[in-house]
Amino acid sequence: PIVGRQGIIDRNRLRGSESIVDITQQVDDVQVHHDWATYTCLARIRVS
């Protein structure tokens, strides 16, 4: 696991310096309950 916003951004920055990422998401479900939501999807992740 990567903990904290900065750690997640640092990982993305590192991966972005080494590759080009293309993502396609197909949303399956979004449930909202007050200020919380769950989001599920099927994603294709291409890395070049």
ModelCIF file with pLDDT and N, C-alpha, C, O atoms, coordinates in Angstrom:
data_MODEL
#
_entry.id   MODEL 
#
_entity.id                         1 
_entity.type                       polymer 
_entity.pdbx_number_of_molecules   1 
#
_entity_poly.entity_id                      1 
_entity_poly.type                           'polypeptide(L)' 
_entity_poly.nstd_linkage                   no 
_entity_poly.nstd_monomer                   no 
_entity_poly.pdbx_seq_one_letter_code       PIVGRQGIIDRNRLRGSESIVDITQQVDDVQVHHDWATYTCLARIRVS 
_entity_poly.pdbx_seq_one_letter_code_can   PIVGRQGIIDRNRLRGSESIVDITQQVDDVQVHHDWATYTCLARIRVS 
_entity_poly.pdbx_strand_id                 A 
#
loop_
_entity_poly_seq.entity_id 
_entity_poly_seq.num 
_entity_poly_seq.mon_id 
_entity_poly_seq.hetero 
1 1  PRO n 
1 2  ILE n 
1 3  VAL n 
1 4  GLY n 
1 5  ARG n 
1 6  GLN n 
1 7  GLY n 
1 8  ILE n 
1 9  ILE n 
1 10 ASP n 
1 11 ARG n 
1 12 ASN n 
1 13 ARG n 
1 14 LEU n 
1 15 ARG n 
1 16 GLY n 
1 17 SER n 
1 18 GLU n 
1 19 SER n 
1 20 ILE n 
1 21 VAL n 
1 22 ASP n 
1 23 ILE n 
1 24 THR n 
1 25 GLN n 
1 26 GLN n 
1 27 VAL n 
1 28 ASP n 
1 29 ASP n 
1 30 VAL n 
1 31 GLN n 
1 32 VAL n 
1 33 HIS n 
1 34 HIS n 
1 35 ASP n 
1 36 TRP n 
1 37 ALA n 
1 38 THR n 
1 39 TYR n 
1 40 THR n 
1 41 CYS n 
1 42 LEU n 
1 43 ALA n 
1 44 ARG n 
1 45 ILE n 
1 46 ARG n 
1 47 VAL n 
1 48 SER n 
#
_struct_asym.id          A 
_struct_asym.entity_id   1 
#
loop_
_ma_qa_metric.id 
_ma_qa_metric.mode 
_ma_qa_metric.name 
_ma_qa_metric.software_group_id 
_ma_qa_metric.type 
1 global pLDDT . pLDDT 
2 local  pLDDT . pLDDT 
#
_ma_qa_metric_global.metric_id      1 
_ma_qa_metric_global.metric_value   95.21 
_ma_qa_metric_global.model_id       1 
_ma_qa_metric_global.ordinal_id     1 
#
loop_
_ma_qa_metric_local.label_asym_id 
_ma_qa_metric_local.label_comp_id 
_ma_qa_metric_local.label_seq_id 
_ma_qa_metric_local.metric_id 
_ma_qa_metric_local.metric_value 
_ma_qa_metric_local.model_id 
_ma_qa_metric_local.ordinal_id 
A PRO 1  2 98.00 1 1  
A ILE 2  2 98.00 1 2  
A VAL 3  2 98.00 1 3  
A GLY 4  2 98.00 1 4  
A ARG 5  2 98.00 1 5  
A GLN 6  2 98.00 1 6  
A GLY 7  2 98.00 1 7  
A ILE 8  2 98.00 1 8  
A ILE 9  2 98.00 1 9  
A ASP 10 2 97.00 1 10 
A ARG 11 2 94.00 1 11 
A ASN 12 2 93.00 1 12 
A ARG 13 2 94.00 1 13 
A LEU 14 2 91.00 1 14 
A ARG 15 2 87.00 1 15 
A GLY 16 2 86.00 1 16 
A SER 17 2 86.00 1 17 
A GLU 18 2 87.00 1 18 
A SER 19 2 92.00 1 19 
A ILE 20 2 91.00 1 20 
A VAL 21 2 92.00 1 21 
A ASP 22 2 94.00 1 22 
A ILE 23 2 95.00 1 23 
A THR 24 2 96.00 1 24 
A GLN 25 2 97.00 1 25 
A GLN 26 2 97.00 1 26 
A VAL 27 2 97.00 1 27 
A ASP 28 2 96.00 1 28 
A ASP 29 2 97.00 1 29 
A VAL 30 2 98.00 1 30 
A GLN 31 2 97.00 1 31 
A VAL 32 2 96.00 1 32 
A HIS 33 2 95.00 1 33 
A HIS 34 2 94.00 1 34 
A ASP 35 2 96.00 1 35 
A TRP 36 2 97.00 1 36 
A ALA 37 2 98.00 1 37 
A THR 38 2 98.00 1 38 
A TYR 39 2 98.00 1 39 
A THR 40 2 98.00 1 40 
A CYS 41 2 98.00 1 41 
A LEU 42 2 98.00 1 42 
A ALA 43 2 97.00 1 43 
A ARG 44 2 97.00 1 44 
A ILE 45 2 95.00 1 45 
A ARG 46 2 94.00 1 46 
A VAL 47 2 92.00 1 47 
A SER 48 2 93.00 1 48 
#
loop_
_atom_site.group_PDB 
_atom_site.id 
_atom_site.type_symbol 
_atom_site.label_atom_id 
_atom_site.label_alt_id 
_atom_site.label_comp_id 
_atom_site.label_asym_id 
_atom_site.label_entity_id 
_atom_site.label_seq_id 
_atom_site.pdbx_PDB_ins_code 
_atom_site.Cartn_x 
_atom_site.Cartn_y 
_atom_site.Cartn_z 
_atom_site.occupancy 
_atom_site.B_iso_or_equiv 
_atom_site.pdbx_formal_charge 
_atom_site.auth_seq_id 
_atom_site.auth_comp_id 
_atom_site.auth_asym_id 
_atom_site.auth_atom_id 
_atom_site.pdbx_PDB_model_num 
ATOM 1   N N  . PRO A 1 1  ? 0.826   -1.210 0.000   1.00 98.00 ? 1  PRO A N  1 
ATOM 2   C CA . PRO A 1 1  ? 0.000   0.000  0.000   1.00 98.00 ? 1  PRO A CA 1 
ATOM 3   C C  . PRO A 1 1  ? 0.860   1.260  0.000   1.00 98.00 ? 1  PRO A C  1 
ATOM 4   O O  . PRO A 1 1  ? 1.965   1.282  0.542   1.00 98.00 ? 1  PRO A O  1 
ATOM 5   N N  . ILE A 1 2  ? 0.327   2.294  -0.616  1.00 98.00 ? 2  ILE A N  1 
ATOM 6   C CA . ILE A 1 2  ? 0.972   3.609  -0.626  1.00 98.00 ? 2  ILE A CA 1 
ATOM 7   C C  . ILE A 1 2  ? 0.082   4.514  0.215   1.00 98.00 ? 2  ILE A C  1 
ATOM 8   O O  . ILE A 1 2  ? -1.093  4.712  -0.093  1.00 98.00 ? 2  ILE A O  1 
ATOM 9   N N  . VAL A 1 3  ? 0.663   5.062  1.284   1.00 98.00 ? 3  VAL A N  1 
ATOM 10  C CA . VAL A 1 3  ? -0.107  5.818  2.262   1.00 98.00 ? 3  VAL A CA 1 
ATOM 11  C C  . VAL A 1 3  ? 0.115   7.316  2.074   1.00 98.00 ? 3  VAL A C  1 
ATOM 12  O O  . VAL A 1 3  ? 1.251   7.785  2.008   1.00 98.00 ? 3  VAL A O  1 
ATOM 13  N N  . GLY A 1 4  ? -0.974  8.049  1.990   1.00 98.00 ? 4  GLY A N  1 
ATOM 14  C CA . GLY A 1 4  ? -0.927  9.503  1.920   1.00 98.00 ? 4  GLY A CA 1 
ATOM 15  C C  . GLY A 1 4  ? -0.905  10.039 0.501   1.00 98.00 ? 4  GLY A C  1 
ATOM 16  O O  . GLY A 1 4  ? -0.348  9.431  -0.412  1.00 98.00 ? 4  GLY A O  1 
ATOM 17  N N  . ARG A 1 5  ? -1.534  11.205 0.347   1.00 98.00 ? 5  ARG A N  1 
ATOM 18  C CA . ARG A 1 5  ? -1.624  11.850 -0.965  1.00 98.00 ? 5  ARG A CA 1 
ATOM 19  C C  . ARG A 1 5  ? -0.242  12.042 -1.585  1.00 98.00 ? 5  ARG A C  1 
ATOM 20  O O  . ARG A 1 5  ? -0.043  11.737 -2.761  1.00 98.00 ? 5  ARG A O  1 
ATOM 21  N N  . GLN A 1 6  ? 0.710   12.545 -0.808  1.00 98.00 ? 6  GLN A N  1 
ATOM 22  C CA . GLN A 1 6  ? 2.023   12.839 -1.381  1.00 98.00 ? 6  GLN A CA 1 
ATOM 23  C C  . GLN A 1 6  ? 2.715   11.576 -1.882  1.00 98.00 ? 6  GLN A C  1 
ATOM 24  O O  . GLN A 1 6  ? 3.361   11.603 -2.930  1.00 98.00 ? 6  GLN A O  1 
ATOM 25  N N  . GLY A 1 7  ? 2.591   10.473 -1.151  1.00 98.00 ? 7  GLY A N  1 
ATOM 26  C CA . GLY A 1 7  ? 3.175   9.210  -1.600  1.00 98.00 ? 7  GLY A CA 1 
ATOM 27  C C  . GLY A 1 7  ? 2.566   8.728  -2.909  1.00 98.00 ? 7  GLY A C  1 
ATOM 28  O O  . GLY A 1 7  ? 3.268   8.218  -3.781  1.00 98.00 ? 7  GLY A O  1 
ATOM 29  N N  . ILE A 1 8  ? 1.261   8.893  -3.037  1.00 98.00 ? 8  ILE A N  1 
ATOM 30  C CA . ILE A 1 8  ? 0.570   8.490  -4.262  1.00 98.00 ? 8  ILE A CA 1 
ATOM 31  C C  . ILE A 1 8  ? 1.024   9.364  -5.432  1.00 98.00 ? 8  ILE A C  1 
ATOM 32  O O  . ILE A 1 8  ? 1.266   8.860  -6.529  1.00 98.00 ? 8  ILE A O  1 
ATOM 33  N N  . ILE A 1 9  ? 1.140   10.665 -5.197  1.00 98.00 ? 9  ILE A N  1 
ATOM 34  C CA . ILE A 1 9  ? 1.582   11.581 -6.261  1.00 98.00 ? 9  ILE A CA 1 
ATOM 35  C C  . ILE A 1 9  ? 3.028   11.282 -6.637  1.00 98.00 ? 9  ILE A C  1 
ATOM 36  O O  . ILE A 1 9  ? 3.370   11.286 -7.820  1.00 98.00 ? 9  ILE A O  1 
ATOM 37  N N  . ASP A 1 10 ? 3.872   11.025 -5.658  1.00 97.00 ? 10 ASP A N  1 
ATOM 38  C CA . ASP A 1 10 ? 5.276   10.691 -5.938  1.00 97.00 ? 10 ASP A CA 1 
ATOM 39  C C  . ASP A 1 10 ? 5.371   9.435  -6.796  1.00 97.00 ? 10 ASP A C  1 
ATOM 40  O O  . ASP A 1 10 ? 6.186   9.377  -7.717  1.00 97.00 ? 10 ASP A O  1 
ATOM 41  N N  . ARG A 1 11 ? 4.550   8.430  -6.507  1.00 94.00 ? 11 ARG A N  1 
ATOM 42  C CA . ARG A 1 11 ? 4.553   7.200  -7.317  1.00 94.00 ? 11 ARG A CA 1 
ATOM 43  C C  . ARG A 1 11 ? 4.123   7.507  -8.751  1.00 94.00 ? 11 ARG A C  1 
ATOM 44  O O  . ARG A 1 11 ? 4.725   7.014  -9.705  1.00 94.00 ? 11 ARG A O  1 
ATOM 45  N N  . ASN A 1 12 ? 3.085   8.317  -8.895  1.00 93.00 ? 12 ASN A N  1 
ATOM 46  C CA . ASN A 1 12 ? 2.635   8.689  -10.237 1.00 93.00 ? 12 ASN A CA 1 
ATOM 47  C C  . ASN A 1 12 ? 3.710   9.475  -10.980 1.00 93.00 ? 12 ASN A C  1 
ATOM 48  O O  . ASN A 1 12 ? 3.926   9.263  -12.173 1.00 93.00 ? 12 ASN A O  1 
ATOM 49  N N  . ARG A 1 13 ? 4.374   10.370 -10.282 1.00 94.00 ? 13 ARG A N  1 
ATOM 50  C CA . ARG A 1 13 ? 5.433   11.169 -10.901 1.00 94.00 ? 13 ARG A CA 1 
ATOM 51  C C  . ARG A 1 13 ? 6.573   10.259 -11.380 1.00 94.00 ? 13 ARG A C  1 
ATOM 52  O O  . ARG A 1 13 ? 7.080   10.432 -12.489 1.00 94.00 ? 13 ARG A O  1 
ATOM 53  N N  . LEU A 1 14 ? 6.969   9.303  -10.554 1.00 91.00 ? 14 LEU A N  1 
ATOM 54  C CA . LEU A 1 14 ? 8.031   8.366  -10.933 1.00 91.00 ? 14 LEU A CA 1 
ATOM 55  C C  . LEU A 1 14 ? 7.614   7.550  -12.152 1.00 91.00 ? 14 LEU A C  1 
ATOM 56  O O  . LEU A 1 14 ? 8.373   7.428  -13.114 1.00 91.00 ? 14 LEU A O  1 
ATOM 57  N N  . ARG A 1 15 ? 6.411   6.996  -12.108 1.00 87.00 ? 15 ARG A N  1 
ATOM 58  C CA . ARG A 1 15 ? 5.937   6.195  -13.241 1.00 87.00 ? 15 ARG A CA 1 
ATOM 59  C C  . ARG A 1 15 ? 5.794   7.046  -14.497 1.00 87.00 ? 15 ARG A C  1 
ATOM 60  O O  . ARG A 1 15 ? 6.069   6.578  -15.602 1.00 87.00 ? 15 ARG A O  1 
ATOM 61  N N  . GLY A 1 16 ? 5.363   8.300  -14.329 1.00 86.00 ? 16 GLY A N  1 
ATOM 62  C CA . GLY A 1 16 ? 5.197   9.198  -15.474 1.00 86.00 ? 16 GLY A CA 1 
ATOM 63  C C  . GLY A 1 16 ? 6.511   9.585  -16.112 1.00 86.00 ? 16 GLY A C  1 
ATOM 64  O O  . GLY A 1 16 ? 6.552   9.897  -17.302 1.00 86.00 ? 16 GLY A O  1 
ATOM 65  N N  . SER A 1 17 ? 7.599   9.571  -15.332 1.00 86.00 ? 17 SER A N  1 
ATOM 66  C CA . SER A 1 17 ? 8.904   9.894  -15.899 1.00 86.00 ? 17 SER A CA 1 
ATOM 67  C C  . SER A 1 17 ? 9.461   8.737  -16.716 1.00 86.00 ? 17 SER A C  1 
ATOM 68  O O  . SER A 1 17 ? 10.360  8.911  -17.539 1.00 86.00 ? 17 SER A O  1 
ATOM 69  N N  . GLU A 1 18 ? 8.908   7.547  -16.472 1.00 87.00 ? 18 GLU A N  1 
ATOM 70  C CA . GLU A 1 18 ? 9.395   6.345  -17.150 1.00 87.00 ? 18 GLU A CA 1 
ATOM 71  C C  . GLU A 1 18 ? 8.455   5.844  -18.245 1.00 87.00 ? 18 GLU A C  1 
ATOM 72  O O  . GLU A 1 18 ? 8.846   5.011  -19.063 1.00 87.00 ? 18 GLU A O  1 
ATOM 73  N N  . SER A 1 19 ? 7.220   6.346  -18.267 1.00 92.00 ? 19 SER A N  1 
ATOM 74  C CA . SER A 1 19 ? 6.239   5.776  -19.186 1.00 92.00 ? 19 SER A CA 1 
ATOM 75  C C  . SER A 1 19 ? 5.125   6.768  -19.508 1.00 92.00 ? 19 SER A C  1 
ATOM 76  O O  . SER A 1 19 ? 4.981   7.813  -18.874 1.00 92.00 ? 19 SER A O  1 
ATOM 77  N N  . ILE A 1 20 ? 4.352   6.398  -20.513 1.00 91.00 ? 20 ILE A N  1 
ATOM 78  C CA . ILE A 1 20 ? 3.167   7.139  -20.906 1.00 91.00 ? 20 ILE A CA 1 
ATOM 79  C C  . ILE A 1 20 ? 1.972   6.233  -20.603 1.00 91.00 ? 20 ILE A C  1 
ATOM 80  O O  . ILE A 1 20 ? 1.929   5.083  -21.039 1.00 91.00 ? 20 ILE A O  1 
ATOM 81  N N  . VAL A 1 21 ? 1.013   6.758  -19.859 1.00 92.00 ? 21 VAL A N  1 
ATOM 82  C CA . VAL A 1 21 ? -0.122  5.956  -19.418 1.00 92.00 ? 21 VAL A CA 1 
ATOM 83  C C  . VAL A 1 21 ? -1.382  6.408  -20.145 1.00 92.00 ? 21 VAL A C  1 
ATOM 84  O O  . VAL A 1 21 ? -1.654  7.603  -20.263 1.00 92.00 ? 21 VAL A O  1 
ATOM 85  N N  . ASP A 1 22 ? -2.139  5.439  -20.627 1.00 94.00 ? 22 ASP A N  1 
ATOM 86  C CA . ASP A 1 22 ? -3.428  5.691  -21.267 1.00 94.00 ? 22 ASP A CA 1 
ATOM 87  C C  . ASP A 1 22 ? -4.457  4.813  -20.549 1.00 94.00 ? 22 ASP A C  1 
ATOM 88  O O  . ASP A 1 22 ? -4.302  3.593  -20.487 1.00 94.00 ? 22 ASP A O  1 
ATOM 89  N N  . ILE A 1 23 ? -5.503  5.434  -20.009 1.00 95.00 ? 23 ILE A N  1 
ATOM 90  C CA . ILE A 1 23 ? -6.501  4.711  -19.228 1.00 95.00 ? 23 ILE A CA 1 
ATOM 91  C C  . ILE A 1 23 ? -7.866  4.865  -19.878 1.00 95.00 ? 23 ILE A C  1 
ATOM 92  O O  . ILE A 1 23 ? -8.240  5.957  -20.306 1.00 95.00 ? 23 ILE A O  1 
ATOM 93  N N  . THR A 1 24 ? -8.604  3.767  -19.948 1.00 96.00 ? 24 THR A N  1 
ATOM 94  C CA . THR A 1 24 ? -10.000 3.803  -20.356 1.00 96.00 ? 24 THR A CA 1 
ATOM 95  C C  . THR A 1 24 ? -10.803 3.133  -19.255 1.00 96.00 ? 24 THR A C  1 
ATOM 96  O O  . THR A 1 24 ? -10.521 1.994  -18.883 1.00 96.00 ? 24 THR A O  1 
ATOM 97  N N  . GLN A 1 25 ? -11.805 3.836  -18.731 1.00 97.00 ? 25 GLN A N  1 
ATOM 98  C CA . GLN A 1 25 ? -12.643 3.308  -17.657 1.00 97.00 ? 25 GLN A CA 1 
ATOM 99  C C  . GLN A 1 25 ? -14.051 3.043  -18.172 1.00 97.00 ? 25 GLN A C  1 
ATOM 100 O O  . GLN A 1 25 ? -14.610 3.844  -18.922 1.00 97.00 ? 25 GLN A O  1 
ATOM 101 N N  . GLN A 1 26 ? -14.616 1.916  -17.764 1.00 97.00 ? 26 GLN A N  1 
ATOM 102 C CA . GLN A 1 26 ? -16.037 1.668  -17.988 1.00 97.00 ? 26 GLN A CA 1 
ATOM 103 C C  . GLN A 1 26 ? -16.671 1.558  -16.607 1.00 97.00 ? 26 GLN A C  1 
ATOM 104 O O  . GLN A 1 26 ? -16.425 0.602  -15.872 1.00 97.00 ? 26 GLN A O  1 
ATOM 105 N N  . VAL A 1 27 ? -17.482 2.539  -16.269 1.00 97.00 ? 27 VAL A N  1 
ATOM 106 C CA . VAL A 1 27 ? -18.103 2.618  -14.953 1.00 97.00 ? 27 VAL A CA 1 
ATOM 107 C C  . VAL A 1 27 ? -19.114 1.496  -14.791 1.00 97.00 ? 27 VAL A C  1 
ATOM 108 O O  . VAL A 1 27 ? -19.958 1.264  -15.657 1.00 97.00 ? 27 VAL A O  1 
ATOM 109 N N  . ASP A 1 28 ? -19.010 0.803  -13.658 1.00 96.00 ? 28 ASP A N  1 
ATOM 110 C CA . ASP A 1 28 ? -19.983 -0.231 -13.323 1.00 96.00 ? 28 ASP A CA 1 
ATOM 111 C C  . ASP A 1 28 ? -21.051 0.301  -12.385 1.00 96.00 ? 28 ASP A C  1 
ATOM 112 O O  . ASP A 1 28 ? -22.246 0.087  -12.589 1.00 96.00 ? 28 ASP A O  1 
ATOM 113 N N  . ASP A 1 29 ? -20.596 1.000  -11.349 1.00 97.00 ? 29 ASP A N  1 
ATOM 114 C CA . ASP A 1 29 ? -21.532 1.387  -10.312 1.00 97.00 ? 29 ASP A CA 1 
ATOM 115 C C  . ASP A 1 29 ? -20.989 2.574  -9.530  1.00 97.00 ? 29 ASP A C  1 
ATOM 116 O O  . ASP A 1 29 ? -19.788 2.665  -9.278  1.00 97.00 ? 29 ASP A O  1 
ATOM 117 N N  . VAL A 1 30 ? -21.867 3.466  -9.155  1.00 98.00 ? 30 VAL A N  1 
ATOM 118 C CA . VAL A 1 30 ? -21.541 4.571  -8.245  1.00 98.00 ? 30 VAL A CA 1 
ATOM 119 C C  . VAL A 1 30 ? -22.667 4.628  -7.230  1.00 98.00 ? 30 VAL A C  1 
ATOM 120 O O  . VAL A 1 30 ? -23.836 4.769  -7.590  1.00 98.00 ? 30 VAL A O  1 
ATOM 121 N N  . GLN A 1 31 ? -22.309 4.518  -5.961  1.00 97.00 ? 31 GLN A N  1 
ATOM 122 C CA . GLN A 1 31 ? -23.282 4.627  -4.878  1.00 97.00 ? 31 GLN A CA 1 
ATOM 123 C C  . GLN A 1 31 ? -22.893 5.809  -4.010  1.00 97.00 ? 31 GLN A C  1 
ATOM 124 O O  . GLN A 1 31 ? -21.727 5.949  -3.641  1.00 97.00 ? 31 GLN A O  1 
ATOM 125 N N  . VAL A 1 32 ? -23.840 6.649  -3.684  1.00 96.00 ? 32 VAL A N  1 
ATOM 126 C CA . VAL A 1 32 ? -23.582 7.830  -2.867  1.00 96.00 ? 32 VAL A CA 1 
ATOM 127 C C  . VAL A 1 32 ? -24.431 7.737  -1.604  1.00 96.00 ? 32 VAL A C  1 
ATOM 128 O O  . VAL A 1 32 ? -25.626 7.445  -1.659  1.00 96.00 ? 32 VAL A O  1 
ATOM 129 N N  . HIS A 1 33 ? -23.790 7.991  -0.469  1.00 95.00 ? 33 HIS A N  1 
ATOM 130 C CA . HIS A 1 33 ? -24.496 8.047  0.807   1.00 95.00 ? 33 HIS A CA 1 
ATOM 131 C C  . HIS A 1 33 ? -23.939 9.232  1.585   1.00 95.00 ? 33 HIS A C  1 
ATOM 132 O O  . HIS A 1 33 ? -22.865 9.159  2.183   1.00 95.00 ? 33 HIS A O  1 
ATOM 133 N N  . HIS A 1 34 ? -24.682 10.304 1.563   1.00 94.00 ? 34 HIS A N  1 
ATOM 134 C CA . HIS A 1 34 ? -24.263 11.565 2.195   1.00 94.00 ? 34 HIS A CA 1 
ATOM 135 C C  . HIS A 1 34 ? -22.955 12.050 1.562   1.00 94.00 ? 34 HIS A C  1 
ATOM 136 O O  . HIS A 1 34 ? -22.920 12.344 0.367   1.00 94.00 ? 34 HIS A O  1 
ATOM 137 N N  . ASP A 1 35 ? -21.884 12.135 2.351   1.00 96.00 ? 35 ASP A N  1 
ATOM 138 C CA . ASP A 1 35 ? -20.603 12.647 1.849   1.00 96.00 ? 35 ASP A CA 1 
ATOM 139 C C  . ASP A 1 35 ? -19.625 11.534 1.477   1.00 96.00 ? 35 ASP A C  1 
ATOM 140 O O  . ASP A 1 35 ? -18.427 11.775 1.330   1.00 96.00 ? 35 ASP A O  1 
ATOM 141 N N  . TRP A 1 36 ? -20.137 10.327 1.327   1.00 97.00 ? 36 TRP A N  1 
ATOM 142 C CA . TRP A 1 36 ? -19.309 9.178  0.955   1.00 97.00 ? 36 TRP A CA 1 
ATOM 143 C C  . TRP A 1 36 ? -19.844 8.565  -0.328  1.00 97.00 ? 36 TRP A C  1 
ATOM 144 O O  . TRP A 1 36 ? -21.047 8.589  -0.588  1.00 97.00 ? 36 TRP A O  1 
ATOM 145 N N  . ALA A 1 37 ? -18.936 8.016  -1.126  1.00 98.00 ? 37 ALA A N  1 
ATOM 146 C CA . ALA A 1 37 ? -19.344 7.342  -2.365  1.00 98.00 ? 37 ALA A CA 1 
ATOM 147 C C  . ALA A 1 37 ? -18.421 6.163  -2.622  1.00 98.00 ? 37 ALA A C  1 
ATOM 148 O O  . ALA A 1 37 ? -17.255 6.162  -2.225  1.00 98.00 ? 37 ALA A O  1 
ATOM 149 N N  . THR A 1 38 ? -18.964 5.168  -3.290  1.00 98.00 ? 38 THR A N  1 
ATOM 150 C CA . THR A 1 38 ? -18.133 4.098  -3.838  1.00 98.00 ? 38 THR A CA 1 
ATOM 151 C C  . THR A 1 38 ? -18.254 4.181  -5.355  1.00 98.00 ? 38 THR A C  1 
ATOM 152 O O  . THR A 1 38 ? -19.310 4.500  -5.901  1.00 98.00 ? 38 THR A O  1 
ATOM 153 N N  . TYR A 1 39 ? -17.146 3.887  -6.010  1.00 98.00 ? 39 TYR A N  1 
ATOM 154 C CA . TYR A 1 39 ? -17.055 3.948  -7.471  1.00 98.00 ? 39 TYR A CA 1 
ATOM 155 C C  . TYR A 1 39 ? -16.364 2.674  -7.910  1.00 98.00 ? 39 TYR A C  1 
ATOM 156 O O  . TYR A 1 39 ? -15.268 2.366  -7.441  1.00 98.00 ? 39 TYR A O  1 
ATOM 157 N N  . THR A 1 40 ? -16.991 1.933  -8.802  1.00 98.00 ? 40 THR A N  1 
ATOM 158 C CA . THR A 1 40 ? -16.353 0.737  -9.343  1.00 98.00 ? 40 THR A CA 1 
ATOM 159 C C  . THR A 1 40 ? -16.348 0.820  -10.856 1.00 98.00 ? 40 THR A C  1 
ATOM 160 O O  . THR A 1 40 ? -17.282 1.326  -11.477 1.00 98.00 ? 40 THR A O  1 
ATOM 161 N N  . CYS A 1 41 ? -15.266 0.306  -11.434 1.00 98.00 ? 41 CYS A N  1 
ATOM 162 C CA . CYS A 1 41 ? -15.161 0.303  -12.884 1.00 98.00 ? 41 CYS A CA 1 
ATOM 163 C C  . CYS A 1 41 ? -14.243 -0.827 -13.341 1.00 98.00 ? 41 CYS A C  1 
ATOM 164 O O  . CYS A 1 41 ? -13.508 -1.422 -12.553 1.00 98.00 ? 41 CYS A O  1 
ATOM 165 N N  . LEU A 1 42 ? -14.312 -1.093 -14.613 1.00 98.00 ? 42 LEU A N  1 
ATOM 166 C CA . LEU A 1 42 ? -13.354 -1.938 -15.303 1.00 98.00 ? 42 LEU A CA 1 
ATOM 167 C C  . LEU A 1 42 ? -12.460 -0.972 -16.073 1.00 98.00 ? 42 LEU A C  1 
ATOM 168 O O  . LEU A 1 42 ? -12.952 -0.108 -16.799 1.00 98.00 ? 42 LEU A O  1 
ATOM 169 N N  . ALA A 1 43 ? -11.165 -1.118 -15.915 1.00 97.00 ? 43 ALA A N  1 
ATOM 170 C CA . ALA A 1 43 ? -10.239 -0.189 -16.568 1.00 97.00 ? 43 ALA A CA 1 
ATOM 171 C C  . ALA A 1 43 ? -9.237  -0.942 -17.437 1.00 97.00 ? 43 ALA A C  1 
ATOM 172 O O  . ALA A 1 43 ? -8.759  -2.021 -17.086 1.00 97.00 ? 43 ALA A O  1 
ATOM 173 N N  . ARG A 1 44 ? -8.941  -0.340 -18.571 1.00 97.00 ? 44 ARG A N  1 
ATOM 174 C CA . ARG A 1 44 ? -7.833  -0.813 -19.416 1.00 97.00 ? 44 ARG A CA 1 
ATOM 175 C C  . ARG A 1 44 ? -6.710  0.192  -19.205 1.00 97.00 ? 44 ARG A C  1 
ATOM 176 O O  . ARG A 1 44 ? -6.899  1.398  -19.360 1.00 97.00 ? 44 ARG A O  1 
ATOM 177 N N  . ILE A 1 45 ? -5.549  -0.321 -18.853 1.00 95.00 ? 45 ILE A N  1 
ATOM 178 C CA . ILE A 1 45 ? -4.397  0.538  -18.578 1.00 95.00 ? 45 ILE A CA 1 
ATOM 179 C C  . ILE A 1 45 ? -3.285  0.149  -19.544 1.00 95.00 ? 45 ILE A C  1 
ATOM 180 O O  . ILE A 1 45 ? -2.730  -0.948 -19.479 1.00 95.00 ? 45 ILE A O  1 
ATOM 181 N N  . ARG A 1 46 ? -2.976  1.086  -20.443 1.00 94.00 ? 46 ARG A N  1 
ATOM 182 C CA . ARG A 1 46 ? -1.888  0.870  -21.400 1.00 94.00 ? 46 ARG A CA 1 
ATOM 183 C C  . ARG A 1 46 ? -0.704  1.711  -20.965 1.00 94.00 ? 46 ARG A C  1 
ATOM 184 O O  . ARG A 1 46 ? -0.847  2.898  -20.670 1.00 94.00 ? 46 ARG A O  1 
ATOM 185 N N  . VAL A 1 47 ? 0.452   1.097  -20.928 1.00 92.00 ? 47 VAL A N  1 
ATOM 186 C CA . VAL A 1 47 ? 1.668   1.791  -20.526 1.00 92.00 ? 47 VAL A CA 1 
ATOM 187 C C  . VAL A 1 47 ? 2.690   1.611  -21.634 1.00 92.00 ? 47 VAL A C  1 
ATOM 188 O O  . VAL A 1 47 ? 3.018   0.487  -22.015 1.00 92.00 ? 47 VAL A O  1 
ATOM 189 N N  . SER A 1 48 ? 3.190   2.731  -22.146 1.00 93.00 ? 48 SER A N  1 
ATOM 190 C CA . SER A 1 48 ? 4.222   2.666  -23.179 1.00 93.00 ? 48 SER A CA 1 
ATOM 191 C C  . SER A 1 48 ? 5.411   3.510  -22.743 1.00 93.00 ? 48 SER A C  1 
ATOM 192 O O  . SER A 1 48 ? 6.403   3.599  -23.467 1.00 93.00 ? 48 SER A O  1 
#
